[in-house]
């Protein structure tokens, strides 16, 4: 596991600067996990931060790949779809199975 990647995410989370491209992008990639990581970073709990992020990166190759792209300064595309109620969303259309 690349400590450079973990340190990159730690620095962004510790900064807590909304509007910073790295911070905002990492927050989108990590979703709800970012809130936990940000708390660890702000409380200087680096070992816990490292362990949690390492687990995420080992278990989710897409997140790892997206964070590596951000670290290299590349642009990524994130589709954030919210789903409420019954049925499946397919290309923005809600399909209700009866």
PDB file of N, CA and C in Angstrom:
ATOM      1  N   UNK A   1       0.852  -1.178   0.000  1.00  0.00           N
ATOM      2  CA  UNK A   1       0.000   0.000   0.000  1.00  0.00           C
ATOM      3  C   UNK A   1       0.891   1.232   0.000  1.00  0.00           C
ATOM      4  N   UNK A   2       0.541   2.142  -0.835  1.00  0.00           N
ATOM      5  CA  UNK A   2       1.340   3.358  -0.961  1.00  0.00           C
ATOM      6  C   UNK A   2       1.048   4.333   0.181  1.00  0.00           C
ATOM      7  N   UNK A   3       2.063   4.565   0.988  1.00  0.00           N
ATOM      8  CA  UNK A   3       1.904   5.558   2.068  1.00  0.00           C
ATOM      9  C   UNK A   3       1.748   6.959   1.477  1.00  0.00           C
ATOM     10  N   UNK A   4       2.290   7.174   0.278  1.00  0.00           N
ATOM     11  CA  UNK A   4       2.113   8.481  -0.369  1.00  0.00           C
ATOM     12  C   UNK A   4       0.636   8.789  -0.576  1.00  0.00           C
ATOM     13  N   UNK A   5      -0.125   7.785  -1.015  1.00  0.00           N
ATOM     14  CA  UNK A   5      -1.558   7.977  -1.241  1.00  0.00           C
ATOM     15  C   UNK A   5      -2.274   8.241   0.087  1.00  0.00           C
ATOM     16  N   UNK A   6      -1.937   7.478   1.103  1.00  0.00           N
ATOM     17  CA  UNK A   6      -2.556   7.667   2.413  1.00  0.00           C
ATOM     18  C   UNK A   6      -2.217   9.048   2.966  1.00  0.00           C
ATOM     19  N   UNK A   7      -0.980   9.465   2.833  1.00  0.00           N
ATOM     20  CA  UNK A   7      -0.569  10.791   3.309  1.00  0.00           C
ATOM     21  C   UNK A   7      -1.256  11.909   2.524  1.00  0.00           C
ATOM     22  N   UNK A   8      -1.465  11.688   1.226  1.00  0.00           N
ATOM     23  CA  UNK A   8      -2.176  12.662   0.381  1.00  0.00           C
ATOM     24  C   UNK A   8      -3.604  12.858   0.895  1.00  0.00           C
ATOM     25  N   UNK A   9      -4.297  11.759   1.167  1.00  0.00           N
ATOM     26  CA  UNK A   9      -5.674  11.831   1.663  1.00  0.00           C
ATOM     27  C   UNK A   9      -5.693  12.432   3.073  1.00  0.00           C
ATOM     28  N   UNK A  10      -4.731  12.052   3.907  1.00  0.00           N
ATOM     29  CA  UNK A  10      -4.650  12.589   5.268  1.00  0.00           C
ATOM     30  C   UNK A  10      -4.490  14.114   5.242  1.00  0.00           C
ATOM     31  N   UNK A  11      -3.590  14.607   4.396  1.00  0.00           N
ATOM     32  CA  UNK A  11      -3.345  16.052   4.313  1.00  0.00           C
ATOM     33  C   UNK A  11      -4.611  16.793   3.884  1.00  0.00           C
ATOM     34  N   UNK A  12      -5.322  16.236   2.923  1.00  0.00           N
ATOM     35  CA  UNK A  12      -6.556  16.882   2.460  1.00  0.00           C
ATOM     36  C   UNK A  12      -7.622  16.868   3.551  1.00  0.00           C
ATOM     37  N   UNK A  13      -7.780  15.732   4.229  1.00  0.00           N
ATOM     38  CA  UNK A  13      -8.789  15.620   5.286  1.00  0.00           C
ATOM     39  C   UNK A  13      -8.444  16.525   6.468  1.00  0.00           C
ATOM     40  N   UNK A  14      -7.174  16.593   6.812  1.00  0.00           N
ATOM     41  CA  UNK A  14      -6.746  17.419   7.943  1.00  0.00           C
ATOM     42  C   UNK A  14      -6.921  18.899   7.650  1.00  0.00           C
ATOM     43  N   UNK A  15      -6.827  19.283   6.371  1.00  0.00           N
ATOM     44  CA  UNK A  15      -6.961  20.697   6.015  1.00  0.00           C
ATOM     45  C   UNK A  15      -8.374  21.191   6.272  1.00  0.00           C
ATOM     46  N   UNK A  16      -9.355  20.332   6.001  1.00  0.00           N
ATOM     47  CA  UNK A  16     -10.748  20.689   6.240  1.00  0.00           C
ATOM     48  C   UNK A  16     -11.223  21.887   5.438  1.00  0.00           C
ATOM     49  N   UNK A  17     -10.576  22.144   4.308  1.00  0.00           N
ATOM     50  CA  UNK A  17     -10.897  23.330   3.523  1.00  0.00           C
ATOM     51  C   UNK A  17     -11.890  22.979   2.418  1.00  0.00           C
ATOM     52  N   UNK A  18     -13.168  23.269   2.678  1.00  0.00           N
ATOM     53  CA  UNK A  18     -14.186  23.087   1.652  1.00  0.00           C
ATOM     54  C   UNK A  18     -13.919  24.096   0.542  1.00  0.00           C
ATOM     55  N   UNK A  19     -14.051  23.655  -0.686  1.00  0.00           N
ATOM     56  CA  UNK A  19     -13.742  24.525  -1.817  1.00  0.00           C
ATOM     57  C   UNK A  19     -12.368  24.223  -2.380  1.00  0.00           C
ATOM     58  N   UNK A  20     -11.554  23.512  -1.618  1.00  0.00           N
ATOM     59  CA  UNK A  20     -10.273  23.037  -2.105  1.00  0.00           C
ATOM     60  C   UNK A  20     -10.569  21.844  -3.012  1.00  0.00           C
ATOM     61  N   UNK A  21     -10.048  21.852  -4.231  1.00  0.00           N
ATOM     62  CA  UNK A  21     -10.373  20.804  -5.207  1.00  0.00           C
ATOM     63  C   UNK A  21     -10.041  19.412  -4.687  1.00  0.00           C
ATOM     64  N   UNK A  22      -8.878  19.248  -4.065  1.00  0.00           N
ATOM     65  CA  UNK A  22      -8.489  17.926  -3.558  1.00  0.00           C
ATOM     66  C   UNK A  22      -9.448  17.484  -2.457  1.00  0.00           C
ATOM     67  N   UNK A  23      -9.724  18.363  -1.512  1.00  0.00           N
ATOM     68  CA  UNK A  23     -10.611  18.050  -0.386  1.00  0.00           C
ATOM     69  C   UNK A  23     -11.993  17.637  -0.895  1.00  0.00           C
ATOM     70  N   UNK A  24     -12.579  18.460  -1.765  1.00  0.00           N
ATOM     71  CA  UNK A  24     -13.925  18.192  -2.263  1.00  0.00           C
ATOM     72  C   UNK A  24     -13.986  16.897  -3.076  1.00  0.00           C
ATOM     73  N   UNK A  25     -12.967  16.658  -3.896  1.00  0.00           N
ATOM     74  CA  UNK A  25     -12.949  15.456  -4.733  1.00  0.00           C
ATOM     75  C   UNK A  25     -12.781  14.202  -3.887  1.00  0.00           C
ATOM     76  N   UNK A  26     -11.875  14.241  -2.935  1.00  0.00           N
ATOM     77  CA  UNK A  26     -11.652  13.086  -2.055  1.00  0.00           C
ATOM     78  C   UNK A  26     -12.909  12.800  -1.239  1.00  0.00           C
ATOM     79  N   UNK A  27     -13.573  13.845  -0.793  1.00  0.00           N
ATOM     80  CA  UNK A  27     -14.814  13.690  -0.030  1.00  0.00           C
ATOM     81  C   UNK A  27     -15.878  12.982  -0.881  1.00  0.00           C
ATOM     82  N   UNK A  28     -15.982  13.338  -2.147  1.00  0.00           N
ATOM     83  CA  UNK A  28     -16.938  12.686  -3.044  1.00  0.00           C
ATOM     84  C   UNK A  28     -16.581  11.222  -3.271  1.00  0.00           C
ATOM     85  N   UNK A  29     -15.301  10.944  -3.482  1.00  0.00           N
ATOM     86  CA  UNK A  29     -14.861   9.572  -3.754  1.00  0.00           C
ATOM     87  C   UNK A  29     -15.127   8.671  -2.550  1.00  0.00           C
ATOM     88  N   UNK A  30     -14.821   9.149  -1.356  1.00  0.00           N
ATOM     89  CA  UNK A  30     -14.928   8.314  -0.156  1.00  0.00           C
ATOM     90  C   UNK A  30     -16.323   8.289   0.459  1.00  0.00           C
ATOM     91  N   UNK A  31     -17.176   9.228   0.088  1.00  0.00           N
ATOM     92  CA  UNK A  31     -18.538   9.230   0.607  1.00  0.00           C
ATOM     93  C   UNK A  31     -18.580   9.338   2.123  1.00  0.00           C
ATOM     94  N   UNK A  32     -19.419   8.521   2.760  1.00  0.00           N
ATOM     95  CA  UNK A  32     -19.611   8.578   4.212  1.00  0.00           C
ATOM     96  C   UNK A  32     -18.334   8.269   4.998  1.00  0.00           C
ATOM     97  N   UNK A  33     -17.446   7.478   4.417  1.00  0.00           N
ATOM     98  CA  UNK A  33     -16.192   7.140   5.093  1.00  0.00           C
ATOM     99  C   UNK A  33     -15.342   8.374   5.329  1.00  0.00           C
ATOM    100  N   UNK A  34     -15.479   9.369   4.473  1.00  0.00           N
ATOM    101  CA  UNK A  34     -14.668  10.579   4.605  1.00  0.00           C
ATOM    102  C   UNK A  34     -14.911  11.266   5.942  1.00  0.00           C
ATOM    103  N   UNK A  35     -16.145  11.278   6.413  1.00  0.00           N
ATOM    104  CA  UNK A  35     -16.464  11.936   7.686  1.00  0.00           C
ATOM    105  C   UNK A  35     -15.661  11.309   8.828  1.00  0.00           C
ATOM    106  N   UNK A  36     -15.590   9.972   8.844  1.00  0.00           N
ATOM    107  CA  UNK A  36     -14.801   9.289   9.872  1.00  0.00           C
ATOM    108  C   UNK A  36     -13.323   9.627   9.728  1.00  0.00           C
ATOM    109  N   UNK A  37     -12.826   9.544   8.501  1.00  0.00           N
ATOM    110  CA  UNK A  37     -11.409   9.818   8.263  1.00  0.00           C
ATOM    111  C   UNK A  37     -11.052  11.255   8.627  1.00  0.00           C
ATOM    112  N   UNK A  38     -11.924  12.184   8.283  1.00  0.00           N
ATOM    113  CA  UNK A  38     -11.675  13.589   8.604  1.00  0.00           C
ATOM    114  C   UNK A  38     -11.590  13.794  10.117  1.00  0.00           C
ATOM    115  N   UNK A  39     -12.450  13.106  10.853  1.00  0.00           N
ATOM    116  CA  UNK A  39     -12.417  13.198  12.310  1.00  0.00           C
ATOM    117  C   UNK A  39     -11.094  12.660  12.859  1.00  0.00           C
ATOM    118  N   UNK A  40     -10.635  11.533  12.342  1.00  0.00           N
ATOM    119  CA  UNK A  40      -9.351  10.976  12.769  1.00  0.00           C
ATOM    120  C   UNK A  40      -8.212  11.944  12.450  1.00  0.00           C
ATOM    121  N   UNK A  41      -8.260  12.551  11.271  1.00  0.00           N
ATOM    122  CA  UNK A  41      -7.195  13.476  10.854  1.00  0.00           C
ATOM    123  C   UNK A  41      -7.170  14.711  11.750  1.00  0.00           C
ATOM    124  N   UNK A  42      -8.333  15.272  12.024  1.00  0.00           N
ATOM    125  CA  UNK A  42      -8.400  16.485  12.841  1.00  0.00           C
ATOM    126  C   UNK A  42      -8.020  16.239  14.294  1.00  0.00           C
ATOM    127  N   UNK A  43      -8.205  14.993  14.755  1.00  0.00           N
ATOM    128  CA  UNK A  43      -7.838  14.632  16.132  1.00  0.00           C
ATOM    129  C   UNK A  43      -6.432  14.029  16.194  1.00  0.00           C
ATOM    130  N   UNK A  44      -5.704  14.131  15.092  1.00  0.00           N
ATOM    131  CA  UNK A  44      -4.329  13.637  14.992  1.00  0.00           C
ATOM    132  C   UNK A  44      -4.219  12.152  15.342  1.00  0.00           C
ATOM    133  N   UNK A  45      -5.221  11.388  14.913  1.00  0.00           N
ATOM    134  CA  UNK A  45      -5.223   9.937  15.108  1.00  0.00           C
ATOM    135  C   UNK A  45      -4.736   9.271  13.821  1.00  0.00           C
ATOM    136  N   UNK A  46      -3.467   9.508  13.500  1.00  0.00           N
ATOM    137  CA  UNK A  46      -2.901   9.066  12.216  1.00  0.00           C
ATOM    138  C   UNK A  46      -2.910   7.552  12.056  1.00  0.00           C
ATOM    139  N   UNK A  47      -2.584   6.818  13.103  1.00  0.00           N
ATOM    140  CA  UNK A  47      -2.563   5.354  12.989  1.00  0.00           C
ATOM    141  C   UNK A  47      -3.944   4.802  12.671  1.00  0.00           C
ATOM    142  N   UNK A  48      -4.967   5.312  13.338  1.00  0.00           N
ATOM    143  CA  UNK A  48      -6.338   4.871  13.073  1.00  0.00           C
ATOM    144  C   UNK A  48      -6.750   5.273  11.671  1.00  0.00           C
ATOM    145  N   UNK A  49      -6.425   6.502  11.271  1.00  0.00           N
ATOM    146  CA  UNK A  49      -6.709   6.981   9.923  1.00  0.00           C
ATOM    147  C   UNK A  49      -6.089   6.032   8.901  1.00  0.00           C
ATOM    148  N   UNK A  50      -4.793   5.731   9.075  1.00  0.00           N
ATOM    149  CA  UNK A  50      -4.079   4.867   8.133  1.00  0.00           C
ATOM    150  C   UNK A  50      -4.730   3.493   8.032  1.00  0.00           C
ATOM    151  N   UNK A  51      -5.082   2.922   9.172  1.00  0.00           N
ATOM    152  CA  UNK A  51      -5.678   1.589   9.197  1.00  0.00           C
ATOM    153  C   UNK A  51      -7.024   1.558   8.483  1.00  0.00           C
ATOM    154  N   UNK A  52      -7.871   2.532   8.770  1.00  0.00           N
ATOM    155  CA  UNK A  52      -9.204   2.575   8.150  1.00  0.00           C
ATOM    156  C   UNK A  52      -9.080   2.797   6.643  1.00  0.00           C
ATOM    157  N   UNK A  53      -8.252   3.758   6.231  1.00  0.00           N
ATOM    158  CA  UNK A  53      -8.114   4.033   4.802  1.00  0.00           C
ATOM    159  C   UNK A  53      -7.466   2.853   4.084  1.00  0.00           C
ATOM    160  N   UNK A  54      -6.490   2.237   4.691  1.00  0.00           N
ATOM    161  CA  UNK A  54      -5.842   1.077   4.073  1.00  0.00           C
ATOM    162  C   UNK A  54      -6.859  -0.041   3.847  1.00  0.00           C
ATOM    163  N   UNK A  55      -7.734  -0.256   4.810  1.00  0.00           N
ATOM    164  CA  UNK A  55      -8.783  -1.272   4.669  1.00  0.00           C
ATOM    165  C   UNK A  55      -9.714  -0.932   3.514  1.00  0.00           C
ATOM    166  N   UNK A  56     -10.108   0.330   3.410  1.00  0.00           N
ATOM    167  CA  UNK A  56     -10.974   0.768   2.310  1.00  0.00           C
ATOM    168  C   UNK A  56     -10.276   0.529   0.971  1.00  0.00           C
ATOM    169  N   UNK A  57      -9.015   0.924   0.867  1.00  0.00           N
ATOM    170  CA  UNK A  57      -8.276   0.791  -0.389  1.00  0.00           C
ATOM    171  C   UNK A  57      -8.072  -0.665  -0.783  1.00  0.00           C
ATOM    172  N   UNK A  58      -7.875  -1.532   0.183  1.00  0.00           N
ATOM    173  CA  UNK A  58      -7.686  -2.955  -0.101  1.00  0.00           C
ATOM    174  C   UNK A  58      -8.980  -3.620  -0.544  1.00  0.00           C
ATOM    175  N   UNK A  59     -10.110  -3.110  -0.050  1.00  0.00           N
ATOM    176  CA  UNK A  59     -11.404  -3.732  -0.345  1.00  0.00           C
ATOM    177  C   UNK A  59     -12.173  -3.085  -1.486  1.00  0.00           C
ATOM    178  N   UNK A  60     -11.733  -1.908  -1.928  1.00  0.00           N
ATOM    179  CA  UNK A  60     -12.455  -1.221  -3.001  1.00  0.00           C
ATOM    180  C   UNK A  60     -11.446  -0.652  -4.001  1.00  0.00           C
ATOM    181  N   UNK A  61     -11.201  -1.432  -5.045  1.00  0.00           N
ATOM    182  CA  UNK A  61     -10.197  -1.047  -6.054  1.00  0.00           C
ATOM    183  C   UNK A  61     -10.609   0.211  -6.826  1.00  0.00           C
ATOM    184  N   UNK A  62     -11.921   0.437  -6.968  1.00  0.00           N
ATOM    185  CA  UNK A  62     -12.392   1.632  -7.680  1.00  0.00           C
ATOM    186  C   UNK A  62     -12.012   2.885  -6.907  1.00  0.00           C
ATOM    187  N   UNK A  63     -12.243   2.875  -5.598  1.00  0.00           N
ATOM    188  CA  UNK A  63     -11.875   4.023  -4.767  1.00  0.00           C
ATOM    189  C   UNK A  63     -10.373   4.240  -4.823  1.00  0.00           C
ATOM    190  N   UNK A  64      -9.606   3.174  -4.719  1.00  0.00           N
ATOM    191  CA  UNK A  64      -8.151   3.289  -4.778  1.00  0.00           C
ATOM    192  C   UNK A  64      -7.721   3.920  -6.093  1.00  0.00           C
ATOM    193  N   UNK A  65      -8.291   3.441  -7.176  1.00  0.00           N
ATOM    194  CA  UNK A  65      -7.939   3.954  -8.509  1.00  0.00           C
ATOM    195  C   UNK A  65      -8.306   5.436  -8.649  1.00  0.00           C
ATOM    196  N   UNK A  66      -9.482   5.806  -8.166  1.00  0.00           N
ATOM    197  CA  UNK A  66      -9.910   7.206  -8.267  1.00  0.00           C
ATOM    198  C   UNK A  66      -9.014   8.120  -7.433  1.00  0.00           C
ATOM    199  N   UNK A  67      -8.650   7.686  -6.230  1.00  0.00           N
ATOM    200  CA  UNK A  67      -7.765   8.498  -5.394  1.00  0.00           C
ATOM    201  C   UNK A  67      -6.376   8.634  -6.017  1.00  0.00           C
ATOM    202  N   UNK A  68      -5.886   7.563  -6.634  1.00  0.00           N
ATOM    203  CA  UNK A  68      -4.587   7.632  -7.313  1.00  0.00           C
ATOM    204  C   UNK A  68      -4.641   8.622  -8.477  1.00  0.00           C
ATOM    205  N   UNK A  69      -5.757   8.627  -9.197  1.00  0.00           N
ATOM    206  CA  UNK A  69      -5.914   9.575 -10.300  1.00  0.00           C
ATOM    207  C   UNK A  69      -5.923  11.012  -9.786  1.00  0.00           C
ATOM    208  N   UNK A  70      -6.630  11.255  -8.699  1.00  0.00           N
ATOM    209  CA  UNK A  70      -6.661  12.600  -8.109  1.00  0.00           C
ATOM    210  C   UNK A  70      -5.276  13.021  -7.649  1.00  0.00           C
ATOM    211  N   UNK A  71      -4.555  12.085  -7.052  1.00  0.00           N
ATOM    212  CA  UNK A  71      -3.210  12.383  -6.569  1.00  0.00           C
ATOM    213  C   UNK A  71      -2.291  12.794  -7.732  1.00  0.00           C
ATOM    214  N   UNK A  72      -2.509  12.179  -8.895  1.00  0.00           N
ATOM    215  CA  UNK A  72      -1.711  12.520 -10.080  1.00  0.00           C
ATOM    216  C   UNK A  72      -2.198  13.801 -10.761  1.00  0.00           C
ATOM    217  N   UNK A  73      -3.286  14.377 -10.249  1.00  0.00           N
ATOM    218  CA  UNK A  73      -3.818  15.608 -10.823  1.00  0.00           C
ATOM    219  C   UNK A  73      -4.746  15.379 -11.998  1.00  0.00           C
ATOM    220  N   UNK A  74      -5.198  14.147 -12.170  1.00  0.00           N
ATOM    221  CA  UNK A  74      -6.102  13.815 -13.268  1.00  0.00           C
ATOM    222  C   UNK A  74      -7.543  14.121 -12.884  1.00  0.00           C
ATOM    223  N   UNK A  75      -8.374  14.290 -13.878  1.00  0.00           N
ATOM    224  CA  UNK A  75      -9.798  14.520 -13.671  1.00  0.00           C
ATOM    225  C   UNK A  75     -10.512  13.179 -13.636  1.00  0.00           C
ATOM    226  N   UNK A  76     -11.456  13.037 -12.726  1.00  0.00           N
ATOM    227  CA  UNK A  76     -12.259  11.823 -12.668  1.00  0.00           C
ATOM    228  C   UNK A  76     -13.729  12.195 -12.790  1.00  0.00           C
ATOM    229  N   UNK A  77     -14.527  11.218 -13.178  1.00  0.00           N
ATOM    230  CA  UNK A  77     -15.964  11.424 -13.283  1.00  0.00           C
ATOM    231  C   UNK A  77     -16.642  10.568 -12.224  1.00  0.00           C
ATOM    232  N   UNK A  78     -17.488  11.199 -11.431  1.00  0.00           N
ATOM    233  CA  UNK A  78     -18.222  10.493 -10.391  1.00  0.00           C
ATOM    234  C   UNK A  78     -19.706  10.683 -10.652  1.00  0.00           C
ATOM    235  N   UNK A  79     -20.429   9.583 -10.724  1.00  0.00           N
ATOM    236  CA  UNK A  79     -21.874   9.642 -10.867  1.00  0.00           C
ATOM    237  C   UNK A  79     -22.458   9.401  -9.488  1.00  0.00           C
ATOM    238  N   UNK A  80     -23.119  10.416  -8.966  1.00  0.00           N
ATOM    239  CA  UNK A  80     -23.703  10.330  -7.631  1.00  0.00           C
ATOM    240  C   UNK A  80     -25.213  10.290  -7.785  1.00  0.00           C
ATOM    241  N   UNK A  81     -25.780   9.100  -7.613  1.00  0.00           N
ATOM    242  CA  UNK A  81     -27.201   8.917  -7.824  1.00  0.00           C
ATOM    243  C   UNK A  81     -27.866   8.596  -6.506  1.00  0.00           C
ATOM    244  N   UNK A  82     -28.901   9.325  -6.168  1.00  0.00           N
ATOM    245  CA  UNK A  82     -29.645   9.044  -4.942  1.00  0.00           C
ATOM    246  C   UNK A  82     -30.908   8.302  -5.312  1.00  0.00           C
ATOM    247  N   UNK A  83     -31.194   7.298  -4.531  1.00  0.00           N
ATOM    248  CA  UNK A  83     -32.349   6.451  -4.813  1.00  0.00           C
ATOM    249  C   UNK A  83     -33.236   6.398  -3.580  1.00  0.00           C
ATOM    250  N   UNK A  84     -34.488   6.700  -3.773  1.00  0.00           N
ATOM    251  CA  UNK A  84     -35.433   6.644  -2.672  1.00  0.00           C
ATOM    252  C   UNK A  84     -36.648   5.850  -3.111  1.00  0.00           C
ATOM    253  N   UNK A  85     -37.175   5.064  -2.224  1.00  0.00           N
ATOM    254  CA  UNK A  85     -38.383   4.299  -2.525  1.00  0.00           C
ATOM    255  C   UNK A  85     -38.076   2.973  -3.173  1.00  0.00           C
ATOM    256  N   UNK A  86     -39.094   2.358  -3.738  1.00  0.00           N
ATOM    257  CA  UNK A  86     -38.955   1.048  -4.361  1.00  0.00           C
ATOM    258  C   UNK A  86     -38.564   1.194  -5.819  1.00  0.00           C
ATOM    259  N   UNK A  87     -37.988   0.134  -6.350  1.00  0.00           N
ATOM    260  CA  UNK A  87     -37.636   0.106  -7.759  1.00  0.00           C
ATOM    261  C   UNK A  87     -36.163   0.362  -7.978  1.00  0.00           C
ATOM    262  N   UNK A  88     -35.733   0.219  -9.205  1.00  0.00           N
ATOM    263  CA  UNK A  88     -34.344   0.423  -9.589  1.00  0.00           C
ATOM    264  C   UNK A  88     -34.244   1.635 -10.500  1.00  0.00           C
ATOM    265  N   UNK A  89     -33.174   2.399 -10.338  1.00  0.00           N
ATOM    266  CA  UNK A  89     -32.915   3.510 -11.245  1.00  0.00           C
ATOM    267  C   UNK A  89     -32.024   2.999 -12.372  1.00  0.00           C
ATOM    268  N   UNK A  90     -32.467   3.172 -13.582  1.00  0.00           N
ATOM    269  CA  UNK A  90     -31.675   2.782 -14.740  1.00  0.00           C
ATOM    270  C   UNK A  90     -31.574   4.003 -15.636  1.00  0.00           C
ATOM    271  N   UNK A  91     -30.361   4.532 -15.773  1.00  0.00           N
ATOM    272  CA  UNK A  91     -30.119   5.718 -16.602  1.00  0.00           C
ATOM    273  C   UNK A  91     -31.083   6.842 -16.257  1.00  0.00           C
ATOM    274  N   UNK A  92     -31.345   7.028 -14.979  1.00  0.00           N
ATOM    275  CA  UNK A  92     -32.173   8.147 -14.525  1.00  0.00           C
ATOM    276  C   UNK A  92     -33.661   7.848 -14.518  1.00  0.00           C
ATOM    277  N   UNK A  93     -34.053   6.696 -15.047  1.00  0.00           N
ATOM    278  CA  UNK A  93     -35.469   6.343 -15.059  1.00  0.00           C
ATOM    279  C   UNK A  93     -35.756   5.369 -13.935  1.00  0.00           C
ATOM    280  N   UNK A  94     -36.817   5.587 -13.232  1.00  0.00           N
ATOM    281  CA  UNK A  94     -37.174   4.710 -12.127  1.00  0.00           C
ATOM    282  C   UNK A  94     -38.037   3.569 -12.647  1.00  0.00           C
ATOM    283  N   UNK A  95     -37.599   2.349 -12.365  1.00  0.00           N
ATOM    284  CA  UNK A  95     -38.337   1.173 -12.819  1.00  0.00           C
ATOM    285  C   UNK A  95     -38.897   0.473 -11.588  1.00  0.00           C
ATOM    286  N   UNK A  96     -40.187   0.346 -11.531  1.00  0.00           N
ATOM    287  CA  UNK A  96     -40.825  -0.310 -10.397  1.00  0.00           C
ATOM    288  C   UNK A  96     -41.286  -1.689 -10.855  1.00  0.00           C
ATOM    289  N   UNK A  97     -40.805  -2.705 -10.147  1.00  0.00           N
ATOM    290  CA  UNK A  97     -41.168  -4.078 -10.481  1.00  0.00           C
ATOM    291  C   UNK A  97     -42.425  -4.447  -9.709  1.00  0.00           C
ATOM    292  N   UNK A  98     -43.388  -5.040 -10.422  1.00  0.00           N
ATOM    293  CA  UNK A  98     -44.650  -5.432  -9.775  1.00  0.00           C
ATOM    294  C   UNK A  98     -44.762  -6.933  -9.737  1.00  0.00           C
TER     295      UNK A  98
END
